[in-house]
PDB file of N, CA and C in Angstrom:
ATOM      1  N   MET A   1     -36.638  -9.396 -42.235  1.00  0.00           N
ATOM      2  CA  MET A   1     -36.633  -7.855 -43.104  1.00  0.00           C
ATOM      3  C   MET A   1     -35.706  -7.194 -42.401  1.00  0.00           C
ATOM      4  N   ILE A   2     -34.976  -6.692 -42.807  1.00  0.00           N
ATOM      5  CA  ILE A   2     -34.152  -5.444 -42.302  1.00  0.00           C
ATOM      6  C   ILE A   2     -34.854  -4.040 -43.133  1.00  0.00           C
ATOM      7  N   GLN A   3     -35.316  -2.958 -41.749  1.00  0.00           N
ATOM      8  CA  GLN A   3     -35.767  -1.845 -41.903  1.00  0.00           C
ATOM      9  C   GLN A   3     -35.175  -0.629 -41.447  1.00  0.00           C
ATOM     10  N   THR A   4     -35.297   0.533 -41.417  1.00  0.00           N
ATOM     11  CA  THR A   4     -34.519   1.891 -40.960  1.00  0.00           C
ATOM     12  C   THR A   4     -35.642   2.564 -40.515  1.00  0.00           C
ATOM     13  N   SER A   5     -35.505   3.289 -39.352  1.00  0.00           N
ATOM     14  CA  SER A   5     -36.250   4.584 -38.716  1.00  0.00           C
ATOM     15  C   SER A   5     -35.121   5.442 -37.562  1.00  0.00           C
ATOM     16  N   PHE A   6     -36.152   6.078 -37.004  1.00  0.00           N
ATOM     17  CA  PHE A   6     -35.317   6.642 -35.939  1.00  0.00           C
ATOM     18  C   PHE A   6     -35.995   6.273 -34.767  1.00  0.00           C
ATOM     19  N   PHE A   7     -34.749   6.780 -33.714  1.00  0.00           N
ATOM     20  CA  PHE A   7     -35.093   6.232 -32.496  1.00  0.00           C
ATOM     21  C   PHE A   7     -36.660   6.593 -31.778  1.00  0.00           C
ATOM     22  N   SER A   8     -36.669   7.671 -32.058  1.00  0.00           N
ATOM     23  CA  SER A   8     -38.255   8.370 -31.303  1.00  0.00           C
ATOM     24  C   SER A   8     -39.378   7.786 -32.047  1.00  0.00           C
ATOM     25  N   SER A   9     -39.373   7.177 -33.053  1.00  0.00           N
ATOM     26  CA  SER A   9     -40.514   6.859 -33.988  1.00  0.00           C
ATOM     27  C   SER A   9     -40.830   5.320 -33.149  1.00  0.00           C
ATOM     28  N   LYS A  10     -42.510   5.376 -33.509  1.00  0.00           N
ATOM     29  CA  LYS A  10     -43.368   4.225 -33.055  1.00  0.00           C
ATOM     30  C   LYS A  10     -42.855   2.690 -33.342  1.00  0.00           C
ATOM     31  N   ALA A  11     -41.852   2.687 -33.843  1.00  0.00           N
ATOM     32  CA  ALA A  11     -41.304   1.296 -34.350  1.00  0.00           C
ATOM     33  C   ALA A  11     -41.008   0.523 -33.299  1.00  0.00           C
ATOM     34  N   PRO A  12     -41.058  -0.920 -33.272  1.00  0.00           N
ATOM     35  CA  PRO A  12     -41.184  -1.580 -32.201  1.00  0.00           C
ATOM     36  C   PRO A  12     -39.881  -1.421 -31.624  1.00  0.00           C
ATOM     37  N   ARG A  13     -39.873  -1.226 -29.930  1.00  0.00           N
ATOM     38  CA  ARG A  13     -38.242  -0.987 -29.233  1.00  0.00           C
ATOM     39  C   ARG A  13     -37.608  -2.353 -29.769  1.00  0.00           C
ATOM     40  N   GLY A  14     -38.175  -3.515 -29.205  1.00  0.00           N
ATOM     41  CA  GLY A  14     -37.683  -4.499 -29.458  1.00  0.00           C
ATOM     42  C   GLY A  14     -36.624  -5.062 -30.838  1.00  0.00           C
ATOM     43  N   ARG A  15     -37.293  -4.194 -31.766  1.00  0.00           N
ATOM     44  CA  ARG A  15     -36.605  -4.783 -33.216  1.00  0.00           C
ATOM     45  C   ARG A  15     -35.680  -3.538 -33.463  1.00  0.00           C
ATOM     46  N   LYS A  16     -35.346  -2.428 -32.467  1.00  0.00           N
ATOM     47  CA  LYS A  16     -34.606  -1.296 -33.084  1.00  0.00           C
ATOM     48  C   LYS A  16     -33.002  -1.524 -32.433  1.00  0.00           C
ATOM     49  N   VAL A  17     -32.007  -1.096 -33.585  1.00  0.00           N
ATOM     50  CA  VAL A  17     -30.547  -1.377 -33.568  1.00  0.00           C
ATOM     51  C   VAL A  17     -30.219  -0.238 -34.093  1.00  0.00           C
ATOM     52  N   SER A  18     -29.548   0.587 -32.834  1.00  0.00           N
ATOM     53  CA  SER A  18     -28.618   1.695 -33.068  1.00  0.00           C
ATOM     54  C   SER A  18     -27.589   1.283 -34.100  1.00  0.00           C
ATOM     55  N   ILE A  19     -27.600   2.744 -35.071  1.00  0.00           N
ATOM     56  CA  ILE A  19     -26.663   2.858 -35.878  1.00  0.00           C
ATOM     57  C   ILE A  19     -25.811   3.961 -35.956  1.00  0.00           C
ATOM     58  N   ALA A  20     -26.208   4.677 -34.532  1.00  0.00           N
ATOM     59  CA  ALA A  20     -25.618   6.234 -34.291  1.00  0.00           C
ATOM     60  C   ALA A  20     -24.255   6.050 -33.564  1.00  0.00           C
ATOM     61  N   LYS A  21     -23.359   6.930 -34.112  1.00  0.00           N
ATOM     62  CA  LYS A  21     -22.039   7.007 -33.362  1.00  0.00           C
ATOM     63  C   LYS A  21     -22.392   7.076 -31.802  1.00  0.00           C
ATOM     64  N   TRP A  22     -23.265   7.820 -31.483  1.00  0.00           N
ATOM     65  CA  TRP A  22     -23.429   8.064 -30.128  1.00  0.00           C
ATOM     66  C   TRP A  22     -25.174   7.834 -30.145  1.00  0.00           C
ATOM     67  N   PRO A  23     -25.339   6.885 -29.355  1.00  0.00           N
ATOM     68  CA  PRO A  23     -26.979   6.689 -29.384  1.00  0.00           C
ATOM     69  C   PRO A  23     -27.462   7.573 -28.187  1.00  0.00           C
ATOM     70  N   PRO A  24     -28.455   7.493 -28.000  1.00  0.00           N
ATOM     71  CA  PRO A  24     -29.081   8.434 -27.034  1.00  0.00           C
ATOM     72  C   PRO A  24     -28.762   8.118 -25.427  1.00  0.00           C
ATOM     73  N   ARG A  25     -28.875   8.663 -24.658  1.00  0.00           N
ATOM     74  CA  ARG A  25     -28.070   8.102 -23.193  1.00  0.00           C
ATOM     75  C   ARG A  25     -29.041   7.083 -22.493  1.00  0.00           C
ATOM     76  N   TYR A  26     -30.158   7.145 -23.038  1.00  0.00           N
ATOM     77  CA  TYR A  26     -31.371   6.210 -22.517  1.00  0.00           C
ATOM     78  C   TYR A  26     -31.265   4.998 -23.375  1.00  0.00           C
ATOM     79  N   TRP A  27     -30.784   4.941 -24.299  1.00  0.00           N
ATOM     80  CA  TRP A  27     -30.368   3.839 -25.109  1.00  0.00           C
ATOM     81  C   TRP A  27     -29.919   2.624 -24.655  1.00  0.00           C
ATOM     82  N   SER A  28     -30.316   1.446 -24.383  1.00  0.00           N
ATOM     83  CA  SER A  28     -29.798   0.392 -23.520  1.00  0.00           C
ATOM     84  C   SER A  28     -29.981  -1.076 -24.835  1.00  0.00           C
ATOM     85  N   GLY A  29     -30.485  -0.637 -25.901  1.00  0.00           N
ATOM     86  CA  GLY A  29     -30.738  -1.604 -26.741  1.00  0.00           C
ATOM     87  C   GLY A  29     -29.195  -1.988 -27.383  1.00  0.00           C
ATOM     88  N   PRO A  30     -29.346  -3.221 -28.657  1.00  0.00           N
ATOM     89  CA  PRO A  30     -28.562  -3.193 -29.568  1.00  0.00           C
ATOM     90  C   PRO A  30     -27.929  -2.347 -30.454  1.00  0.00           C
ATOM     91  N   ARG A  31     -26.781  -2.294 -30.480  1.00  0.00           N
ATOM     92  CA  ARG A  31     -25.995  -1.611 -31.298  1.00  0.00           C
ATOM     93  C   ARG A  31     -25.101  -2.406 -32.585  1.00  0.00           C
ATOM     94  N   ALA A  32     -24.871  -1.436 -33.969  1.00  0.00           N
ATOM     95  CA  ALA A  32     -24.401  -2.327 -34.651  1.00  0.00           C
ATOM     96  C   ALA A  32     -23.267  -0.861 -35.161  1.00  0.00           C
ATOM     97  N   PRO A  33     -22.010  -0.996 -34.588  1.00  0.00           N
ATOM     98  CA  PRO A  33     -20.871   0.262 -34.513  1.00  0.00           C
ATOM     99  C   PRO A  33     -20.541   0.234 -35.916  1.00  0.00           C
ATOM    100  N   LYS A  34     -20.680  -1.042 -36.603  1.00  0.00           N
ATOM    101  CA  LYS A  34     -19.762  -0.568 -37.993  1.00  0.00           C
ATOM    102  C   LYS A  34     -20.602   0.007 -39.007  1.00  0.00           C
ATOM    103  N   LEU A  35     -22.174   0.377 -38.306  1.00  0.00           N
ATOM    104  CA  LEU A  35     -22.710   1.105 -39.392  1.00  0.00           C
ATOM    105  C   LEU A  35     -22.814   2.207 -39.003  1.00  0.00           C
ATOM    106  N   ALA A  36     -22.424   2.728 -37.856  1.00  0.00           N
ATOM    107  CA  ALA A  36     -22.306   4.138 -37.481  1.00  0.00           C
ATOM    108  C   ALA A  36     -21.494   5.183 -38.325  1.00  0.00           C
ATOM    109  N   PRO A  37     -21.888   6.514 -38.641  1.00  0.00           N
ATOM    110  CA  PRO A  37     -20.766   7.384 -39.547  1.00  0.00           C
ATOM    111  C   PRO A  37     -19.764   7.423 -38.498  1.00  0.00           C
ATOM    112  N   SER A  38     -18.329   7.481 -39.079  1.00  0.00           N
ATOM    113  CA  SER A  38     -17.258   8.109 -38.549  1.00  0.00           C
ATOM    114  C   SER A  38     -17.229   9.442 -37.702  1.00  0.00           C
ATOM    115  N   ASP A  39     -17.754  10.339 -38.757  1.00  0.00           N
ATOM    116  CA  ASP A  39     -18.235  11.801 -38.511  1.00  0.00           C
ATOM    117  C   ASP A  39     -19.570  12.317 -38.957  1.00  0.00           C
ATOM    118  N   PRO A  40     -20.424  12.133 -37.841  1.00  0.00           N
ATOM    119  CA  PRO A  40     -21.635  12.603 -38.372  1.00  0.00           C
ATOM    120  C   PRO A  40     -21.898  13.988 -38.758  1.00  0.00           C
ATOM    121  N   LYS A  41     -20.791  14.570 -38.245  1.00  0.00           N
ATOM    122  CA  LYS A  41     -21.042  16.243 -38.549  1.00  0.00           C
ATOM    123  C   LYS A  41     -20.046  16.408 -39.661  1.00  0.00           C
ATOM    124  N   ALA A  42     -19.563  15.974 -40.358  1.00  0.00           N
ATOM    125  CA  ALA A  42     -18.708  16.329 -41.567  1.00  0.00           C
ATOM    126  C   ALA A  42     -19.715  17.142 -42.657  1.00  0.00           C
ATOM    127  N   GLU A  43     -18.818  17.850 -43.293  1.00  0.00           N
ATOM    128  CA  GLU A  43     -19.658  18.545 -44.178  1.00  0.00           C
ATOM    129  C   GLU A  43     -20.468  18.259 -45.331  1.00  0.00           C
ATOM    130  N   ASP A  44     -19.749  17.579 -45.648  1.00  0.00           N
ATOM    131  CA  ASP A  44     -20.530  16.352 -47.160  1.00  0.00           C
ATOM    132  C   ASP A  44     -20.840  15.150 -46.141  1.00  0.00           C
ATOM    133  N   TRP A  45     -21.518  14.930 -45.564  1.00  0.00           N
ATOM    134  CA  TRP A  45     -21.672  13.842 -44.361  1.00  0.00           C
ATOM    135  C   TRP A  45     -22.237  12.570 -45.316  1.00  0.00           C
ATOM    136  N   ALA A  46     -22.931  12.433 -46.013  1.00  0.00           N
ATOM    137  CA  ALA A  46     -23.355  11.447 -47.137  1.00  0.00           C
ATOM    138  C   ALA A  46     -21.863  11.060 -47.784  1.00  0.00           C
ATOM    139  N   ALA A  47     -21.197  11.647 -48.415  1.00  0.00           N
ATOM    140  CA  ALA A  47     -19.973  10.980 -48.855  1.00  0.00           C
ATOM    141  C   ALA A  47     -19.207  10.536 -47.828  1.00  0.00           C
ATOM    142  N   ALA A  48     -18.909  11.341 -46.625  1.00  0.00           N
ATOM    143  CA  ALA A  48     -18.024  10.756 -45.685  1.00  0.00           C
ATOM    144  C   ALA A  48     -18.709   9.368 -45.357  1.00  0.00           C
ATOM    145  N   TYR A  49     -19.735   9.452 -45.197  1.00  0.00           N
ATOM    146  CA  TYR A  49     -20.356   7.642 -44.768  1.00  0.00           C
ATOM    147  C   TYR A  49     -20.369   7.032 -45.552  1.00  0.00           C
ATOM    148  N   ARG A  50     -20.323   7.197 -47.032  1.00  0.00           N
ATOM    149  CA  ARG A  50     -20.192   6.142 -48.134  1.00  0.00           C
ATOM    150  C   ARG A  50     -18.701   5.893 -48.152  1.00  0.00           C
ATOM    151  N   ARG A  51     -17.991   6.626 -47.913  1.00  0.00           N
ATOM    152  CA  ARG A  51     -16.359   6.214 -47.840  1.00  0.00           C
ATOM    153  C   ARG A  51     -16.095   5.457 -46.465  1.00  0.00           C
ATOM    154  N   ASP A  52     -16.577   5.540 -45.291  1.00  0.00           N
ATOM    155  CA  ASP A  52     -16.737   4.534 -44.024  1.00  0.00           C
ATOM    156  C   ASP A  52     -17.361   3.273 -44.407  1.00  0.00           C
ATOM    157  N   LEU A  53     -18.559   3.175 -44.992  1.00  0.00           N
ATOM    158  CA  LEU A  53     -19.104   1.672 -45.588  1.00  0.00           C
ATOM    159  C   LEU A  53     -17.973   1.313 -46.795  1.00  0.00           C
ATOM    160  N   GLU A  54     -17.364   1.749 -47.556  1.00  0.00           N
ATOM    161  CA  GLU A  54     -16.491   1.263 -48.441  1.00  0.00           C
ATOM    162  C   GLU A  54     -15.264   0.620 -47.563  1.00  0.00           C
ATOM    163  N   ASP A  55     -14.845   1.564 -46.918  1.00  0.00           N
ATOM    164  CA  ASP A  55     -13.699   1.042 -46.219  1.00  0.00           C
ATOM    165  C   ASP A  55     -14.028  -0.021 -45.161  1.00  0.00           C
ATOM    166  N   ARG A  56     -14.782  -0.115 -44.440  1.00  0.00           N
ATOM    167  CA  ARG A  56     -15.487  -1.127 -43.686  1.00  0.00           C
ATOM    168  C   ARG A  56     -16.055  -2.531 -44.098  1.00  0.00           C
ATOM    169  N   PHE A  57     -16.443  -2.377 -45.434  1.00  0.00           N
ATOM    170  CA  PHE A  57     -17.012  -3.486 -45.906  1.00  0.00           C
ATOM    171  C   PHE A  57     -16.238  -3.500 -47.519  1.00  0.00           C
ATOM    172  N   PRO A  58     -15.384  -4.104 -47.456  1.00  0.00           N
ATOM    173  CA  PRO A  58     -14.498  -4.008 -48.892  1.00  0.00           C
ATOM    174  C   PRO A  58     -15.202  -5.234 -49.687  1.00  0.00           C
ATOM    175  N   THR A  59     -15.980  -6.072 -49.071  1.00  0.00           N
ATOM    176  CA  THR A  59     -16.529  -7.122 -50.276  1.00  0.00           C
ATOM    177  C   THR A  59     -17.838  -7.195 -49.656  1.00  0.00           C
ATOM    178  N   GLU A  60     -18.717  -7.611 -50.911  1.00  0.00           N
ATOM    179  CA  GLU A  60     -20.032  -7.945 -50.677  1.00  0.00           C
ATOM    180  C   GLU A  60     -20.477  -8.970 -49.378  1.00  0.00           C
ATOM    181  N   SER A  61     -19.369  -9.802 -49.349  1.00  0.00           N
ATOM    182  CA  SER A  61     -19.541 -11.160 -48.236  1.00  0.00           C
ATOM    183  C   SER A  61     -19.426 -10.297 -46.853  1.00  0.00           C
ATOM    184  N   SER A  62     -18.355  -9.223 -46.729  1.00  0.00           N
ATOM    185  CA  SER A  62     -18.302  -8.623 -45.606  1.00  0.00           C
ATOM    186  C   SER A  62     -19.433  -7.897 -45.151  1.00  0.00           C
ATOM    187  N   LEU A  63     -20.319  -7.374 -45.847  1.00  0.00           N
ATOM    188  CA  LEU A  63     -21.343  -6.443 -45.500  1.00  0.00           C
ATOM    189  C   LEU A  63     -22.485  -7.649 -45.213  1.00  0.00           C
ATOM    190  N   ARG A  64     -22.542  -8.718 -46.053  1.00  0.00           N
ATOM    191  CA  ARG A  64     -23.670  -9.704 -46.012  1.00  0.00           C
ATOM    192  C   ARG A  64     -23.746 -10.289 -44.229  1.00  0.00           C
ATOM    193  N   LEU A  65     -22.442 -10.479 -44.199  1.00  0.00           N
ATOM    194  CA  LEU A  65     -22.033 -11.433 -43.052  1.00  0.00           C
ATOM    195  C   LEU A  65     -22.379 -10.639 -41.730  1.00  0.00           C
ATOM    196  N   TYR A  66     -22.019  -9.501 -42.041  1.00  0.00           N
ATOM    197  CA  TYR A  66     -22.268  -8.212 -40.804  1.00  0.00           C
ATOM    198  C   TYR A  66     -23.633  -7.996 -40.652  1.00  0.00           C
ATOM    199  N   LEU A  67     -24.176  -7.851 -41.686  1.00  0.00           N
ATOM    200  CA  LEU A  67     -25.817  -7.617 -41.424  1.00  0.00           C
ATOM    201  C   LEU A  67     -26.655  -8.887 -41.097  1.00  0.00           C
ATOM    202  N   GLN A  68     -26.365 -10.082 -41.709  1.00  0.00           N
ATOM    203  CA  GLN A  68     -26.638 -11.470 -40.876  1.00  0.00           C
ATOM    204  C   GLN A  68     -26.322 -11.379 -39.210  1.00  0.00           C
ATOM    205  N   GLU A  69     -25.333 -10.828 -39.020  1.00  0.00           N
ATOM    206  CA  GLU A  69     -25.087 -11.101 -37.510  1.00  0.00           C
ATOM    207  C   GLU A  69     -25.919 -10.323 -36.716  1.00  0.00           C
ATOM    208  N   ILE A  70     -26.412  -9.143 -37.212  1.00  0.00           N
ATOM    209  CA  ILE A  70     -27.372  -8.369 -36.882  1.00  0.00           C
ATOM    210  C   ILE A  70     -28.706  -8.947 -36.589  1.00  0.00           C
ATOM    211  N   GLU A  71     -29.340  -9.638 -37.800  1.00  0.00           N
ATOM    212  CA  GLU A  71     -30.380 -10.202 -37.866  1.00  0.00           C
ATOM    213  C   GLU A  71     -30.447 -11.576 -36.825  1.00  0.00           C
ATOM    214  N   ARG A  72     -29.119 -11.999 -36.514  1.00  0.00           N
ATOM    215  CA  ARG A  72     -29.432 -13.172 -35.931  1.00  0.00           C
ATOM    216  C   ARG A  72     -29.556 -12.834 -34.215  1.00  0.00           C
ATOM    217  N   GLU A  73     -28.731 -11.657 -34.003  1.00  0.00           N
ATOM    218  CA  GLU A  73     -29.033 -11.005 -32.570  1.00  0.00           C
ATOM    219  C   GLU A  73     -30.674 -10.141 -32.580  1.00  0.00           C
ATOM    220  N   THR A  74     -31.250  -9.847 -33.420  1.00  0.00           N
ATOM    221  CA  THR A  74     -32.209  -8.962 -33.363  1.00  0.00           C
ATOM    222  C   THR A  74     -32.952  -9.387 -34.663  1.00  0.00           C
ATOM    223  N   PRO A  75     -33.898 -10.360 -34.607  1.00  0.00           N
ATOM    224  CA  PRO A  75     -34.844 -10.577 -35.765  1.00  0.00           C
ATOM    225  C   PRO A  75     -35.571  -9.390 -36.510  1.00  0.00           C
ATOM    226  N   ASP A  76     -35.527  -9.163 -37.896  1.00  0.00           N
ATOM    227  CA  ASP A  76     -36.527  -8.348 -38.165  1.00  0.00           C
ATOM    228  C   ASP A  76     -35.889  -6.820 -37.887  1.00  0.00           C
ATOM    229  N   PRO A  77     -34.509  -6.496 -37.626  1.00  0.00           N
ATOM    230  CA  PRO A  77     -34.030  -5.271 -37.385  1.00  0.00           C
ATOM    231  C   PRO A  77     -34.548  -3.974 -37.600  1.00  0.00           C
ATOM    232  N   ILE A  78     -34.838  -2.750 -36.980  1.00  0.00           N
ATOM    233  CA  ILE A  78     -35.021  -1.933 -37.777  1.00  0.00           C
ATOM    234  C   ILE A  78     -33.792  -0.909 -37.125  1.00  0.00           C
ATOM    235  N   LEU A  79     -33.137  -0.370 -38.035  1.00  0.00           N
ATOM    236  CA  LEU A  79     -31.570   0.387 -37.903  1.00  0.00           C
ATOM    237  C   LEU A  79     -32.190   1.694 -37.878  1.00  0.00           C
ATOM    238  N   CYS A  80     -31.635   2.115 -36.573  1.00  0.00           N
ATOM    239  CA  CYS A  80     -32.106   3.421 -36.020  1.00  0.00           C
ATOM    240  C   CYS A  80     -31.191   4.518 -35.849  1.00  0.00           C
ATOM    241  N   CYS A  81     -31.313   6.039 -36.386  1.00  0.00           N
ATOM    242  CA  CYS A  81     -30.502   6.726 -35.816  1.00  0.00           C
ATOM    243  C   CYS A  81     -31.371   8.085 -35.701  1.00  0.00           C
ATOM    244  N   TYR A  82     -30.869   9.054 -35.166  1.00  0.00           N
ATOM    245  CA  TYR A  82     -32.119  10.187 -34.992  1.00  0.00           C
ATOM    246  C   TYR A  82     -32.899  10.914 -35.417  1.00  0.00           C
ATOM    247  N   GLU A  83     -32.482  11.277 -36.686  1.00  0.00           N
ATOM    248  CA  GLU A  83     -33.139  12.240 -37.757  1.00  0.00           C
ATOM    249  C   GLU A  83     -34.736  11.814 -37.982  1.00  0.00           C
ATOM    250  N   SER A  84     -35.611  12.318 -37.848  1.00  0.00           N
ATOM    251  CA  SER A  84     -36.824  11.862 -38.255  1.00  0.00           C
ATOM    252  C   SER A  84     -36.909  11.999 -39.660  1.00  0.00           C
ATOM    253  N   ASP A  85     -36.215  12.480 -40.522  1.00  0.00           N
ATOM    254  CA  ASP A  85     -36.468  12.662 -41.654  1.00  0.00           C
ATOM    255  C   ASP A  85     -35.361  11.832 -42.623  1.00  0.00           C
ATOM    256  N   PRO A  86     -36.188  10.946 -43.145  1.00  0.00           N
ATOM    257  CA  PRO A  86     -34.811  10.127 -43.767  1.00  0.00           C
ATOM    258  C   PRO A  86     -34.066  10.460 -44.901  1.00  0.00           C
ATOM    259  N   ASN A  87     -34.286  11.465 -45.347  1.00  0.00           N
ATOM    260  CA  ASN A  87     -33.616  12.359 -46.576  1.00  0.00           C
ATOM    261  C   ASN A  87     -32.350  13.045 -45.889  1.00  0.00           C
ATOM    262  N   GLU A  88     -32.531  13.326 -44.696  1.00  0.00           N
ATOM    263  CA  GLU A  88     -31.516  14.282 -43.980  1.00  0.00           C
ATOM    264  C   GLU A  88     -30.530  12.949 -43.165  1.00  0.00           C
ATOM    265  N   CYS A  89     -30.477  11.848 -43.239  1.00  0.00           N
ATOM    266  CA  CYS A  89     -30.009  10.967 -42.489  1.00  0.00           C
ATOM    267  C   CYS A  89     -28.868   9.834 -43.371  1.00  0.00           C
ATOM    268  N   HIS A  90     -28.163   9.635 -42.673  1.00  0.00           N
ATOM    269  CA  HIS A  90     -27.007   8.515 -43.186  1.00  0.00           C
ATOM    270  C   HIS A  90     -27.788   7.285 -43.090  1.00  0.00           C
ATOM    271  N   ARG A  91     -28.975   6.609 -42.588  1.00  0.00           N
ATOM    272  CA  ARG A  91     -29.254   5.301 -42.604  1.00  0.00           C
ATOM    273  C   ARG A  91     -30.259   5.258 -44.161  1.00  0.00           C
ATOM    274  N   ARG A  92     -30.659   5.943 -45.030  1.00  0.00           N
ATOM    275  CA  ARG A  92     -30.955   5.769 -46.202  1.00  0.00           C
ATOM    276  C   ARG A  92     -29.765   5.716 -47.003  1.00  0.00           C
ATOM    277  N   VAL A  93     -28.535   6.690 -46.922  1.00  0.00           N
ATOM    278  CA  VAL A  93     -27.575   5.984 -47.437  1.00  0.00           C
ATOM    279  C   VAL A  93     -27.078   4.910 -47.288  1.00  0.00           C
ATOM    280  N   LEU A  94     -27.042   4.197 -46.004  1.00  0.00           N
ATOM    281  CA  LEU A  94     -26.865   3.112 -45.850  1.00  0.00           C
ATOM    282  C   LEU A  94     -28.089   1.750 -46.378  1.00  0.00           C
ATOM    283  N   ALA A  95     -29.018   2.315 -46.835  1.00  0.00           N
ATOM    284  CA  ALA A  95     -30.152   1.159 -47.372  1.00  0.00           C
ATOM    285  C   ALA A  95     -29.752   1.287 -48.981  1.00  0.00           C
ATOM    286  N   ALA A  96     -29.354   2.380 -49.693  1.00  0.00           N
ATOM    287  CA  ALA A  96     -28.723   2.721 -51.016  1.00  0.00           C
ATOM    288  C   ALA A  96     -27.671   1.804 -51.338  1.00  0.00           C
ATOM    289  N   TYR A  97     -26.920   1.854 -50.376  1.00  0.00           N
ATOM    290  CA  TYR A  97     -25.289   1.076 -50.266  1.00  0.00           C
ATOM    291  C   TYR A  97     -25.935  -0.323 -50.510  1.00  0.00           C
ATOM    292  N   ILE A  98     -26.669  -0.898 -49.557  1.00  0.00           N
ATOM    293  CA  ILE A  98     -26.816  -2.496 -49.280  1.00  0.00           C
ATOM    294  C   ILE A  98     -27.319  -2.731 -50.660  1.00  0.00           C
ATOM    295  N   ARG A  99     -28.487  -1.687 -51.106  1.00  0.00           N
ATOM    296  CA  ARG A  99     -29.372  -2.071 -52.201  1.00  0.00           C
ATOM    297  C   ARG A  99     -28.304  -2.409 -53.325  1.00  0.00           C
ATOM    298  N   GLU A 100     -27.326  -1.605 -53.459  1.00  0.00           N
ATOM    299  CA  GLU A 100     -26.115  -1.436 -54.404  1.00  0.00           C
ATOM    300  C   GLU A 100     -25.485  -2.719 -54.472  1.00  0.00           C
ATOM    301  N   LYS A 101     -25.067  -3.052 -53.450  1.00  0.00           N
ATOM    302  CA  LYS A 101     -23.908  -4.211 -52.951  1.00  0.00           C
ATOM    303  C   LYS A 101     -24.530  -5.815 -52.832  1.00  0.00           C
ATOM    304  N   LEU A 102     -25.790  -5.780 -52.356  1.00  0.00           N
ATOM    305  CA  LEU A 102     -26.303  -7.056 -52.200  1.00  0.00           C
ATOM    306  C   LEU A 102     -27.457  -7.095 -52.836  1.00  0.00           C
ATOM    307  N   ASN A 103     -28.187  -6.035 -53.389  1.00  0.00           N
ATOM    308  CA  ASN A 103     -29.467  -6.030 -54.069  1.00  0.00           C
ATOM    309  C   ASN A 103     -30.812  -6.288 -53.024  1.00  0.00           C
ATOM    310  N   TRP A 104     -30.433  -5.992 -52.139  1.00  0.00           N
ATOM    311  CA  TRP A 104     -31.643  -6.051 -50.788  1.00  0.00           C
ATOM    312  C   TRP A 104     -32.364  -4.948 -50.745  1.00  0.00           C
ATOM    313  N   ASP A 105     -33.555  -5.022 -50.678  1.00  0.00           N
ATOM    314  CA  ASP A 105     -34.443  -3.492 -50.107  1.00  0.00           C
ATOM    315  C   ASP A 105     -34.254  -3.562 -48.881  1.00  0.00           C
ATOM    316  N   ILE A 106     -34.056  -2.177 -48.218  1.00  0.00           N
ATOM    317  CA  ILE A 106     -34.478  -1.866 -47.081  1.00  0.00           C
ATOM    318  C   ILE A 106     -35.199  -0.733 -46.797  1.00  0.00           C
ATOM    319  N   PRO A 107     -36.472  -0.815 -46.752  1.00  0.00           N
ATOM    320  CA  PRO A 107     -37.314   0.314 -46.630  1.00  0.00           C
ATOM    321  C   PRO A 107     -37.340   0.875 -45.228  1.00  0.00           C
ATOM    322  N   GLU A 108     -37.778   2.114 -45.338  1.00  0.00           N
ATOM    323  CA  GLU A 108     -38.242   2.603 -44.084  1.00  0.00           C
ATOM    324  C   GLU A 108     -39.325   2.175 -43.638  1.00  0.00           C
ATOM    325  N   TRP A 109     -39.342   2.085 -42.014  1.00  0.00           N
ATOM    326  CA  TRP A 109     -40.437   1.424 -41.438  1.00  0.00           C
ATOM    327  C   TRP A 109     -41.571   2.622 -41.454  1.00  0.00           C
ATOM    328  N   GLY A 110     -42.365   1.694 -41.718  1.00  0.00           N
ATOM    329  CA  GLY A 110     -44.091   2.471 -42.351  1.00  0.00           C
ATOM    330  C   GLY A 110     -44.571   2.422 -41.270  1.00  0.00           C
ATOM    331  N   GLY A 111     -44.826   1.785 -40.273  1.00  0.00           N
ATOM    332  CA  GLY A 111     -45.874   1.568 -39.054  1.00  0.00           C
ATOM    333  C   GLY A 111     -46.951   1.133 -39.627  1.00  0.00           C
ATOM    334  N   THR A 112     -46.796   0.043 -40.277  1.00  0.00           N
ATOM    335  CA  THR A 112     -48.284  -0.527 -41.106  1.00  0.00           C
ATOM    336  C   THR A 112     -48.697  -1.464 -40.134  1.00  0.00           C
ATOM    337  N   GLY A 113     -48.197  -2.152 -39.019  1.00  0.00           N
ATOM    338  CA  GLY A 113     -48.391  -3.211 -38.221  1.00  0.00           C
ATOM    339  C   GLY A 113     -49.241  -2.589 -36.833  1.00  0.00           C
ATOM    340  N   PRO A 114     -49.561  -3.587 -36.260  1.00  0.00           N
ATOM    341  CA  PRO A 114     -50.678  -3.608 -34.971  1.00  0.00           C
ATOM    342  C   PRO A 114     -50.017  -2.303 -33.935  1.00  0.00           C
ATOM    343  N   GLU A 115     -48.815  -2.135 -34.193  1.00  0.00           N
ATOM    344  CA  GLU A 115     -47.874  -1.213 -32.961  1.00  0.00           C
ATOM    345  C   GLU A 115     -48.326   0.661 -33.230  1.00  0.00           C
ATOM    346  N   GLN A 116     -49.082   0.711 -34.760  1.00  0.00           N
ATOM    347  CA  GLN A 116     -49.413   2.005 -35.013  1.00  0.00           C
ATOM    348  C   GLN A 116     -50.870   1.866 -34.846  1.00  0.00           C
ATOM    349  N   ALA A 117     -51.751   2.975 -34.414  1.00  0.00           N
ATOM    350  CA  ALA A 117     -52.922   2.940 -34.290  1.00  0.00           C
ATOM    351  C   ALA A 117     -53.105   3.594 -35.611  1.00  0.00           C
ATOM    352  N   SER A 118     -54.707   3.115 -36.369  1.00  0.00           N
ATOM    353  CA  SER A 118     -55.259   3.662 -37.386  1.00  0.00           C
ATOM    354  C   SER A 118     -55.562   5.031 -37.129  1.00  0.00           C
ATOM    355  N   LEU A 119     -55.220   5.997 -38.157  1.00  0.00           N
ATOM    356  CA  LEU A 119     -56.005   7.293 -38.213  1.00  0.00           C
ATOM    357  C   LEU A 119     -57.096   7.502 -38.562  1.00  0.00           C
ATOM    358  N   LEU A 120     -57.849   6.325 -39.164  1.00  0.00           N
ATOM    359  CA  LEU A 120     -58.811   6.311 -40.076  1.00  0.00           C
ATOM    360  C   LEU A 120     -60.415   6.047 -39.161  1.00  0.00           C
TER     361      LEU A 120
END
């Protein structure tokens, strides 16, 4: 299952894949450059990123094949960027685009596995 999150989340590091144009300097993990926005500081960043996706993945199969390649390299990948608030980040625009084109649900990582301690 593909999910999304942010670099500093407690999501399992071995599953994180960078979708940032400029990942953190400490980042040595896998990257998915075709999923990075071309201009993350654009005034209307969501619309600009949507155009990036449409240009890079003109067909459903091109998107599916790229995501399958990511999954082969990193099983159950968590696509990560900087913003902790998913509503302020391109990763949820990506998730909506994937849902629209492939009918795949890409949830935000919720930390329900053993890697996150219970608050109870």
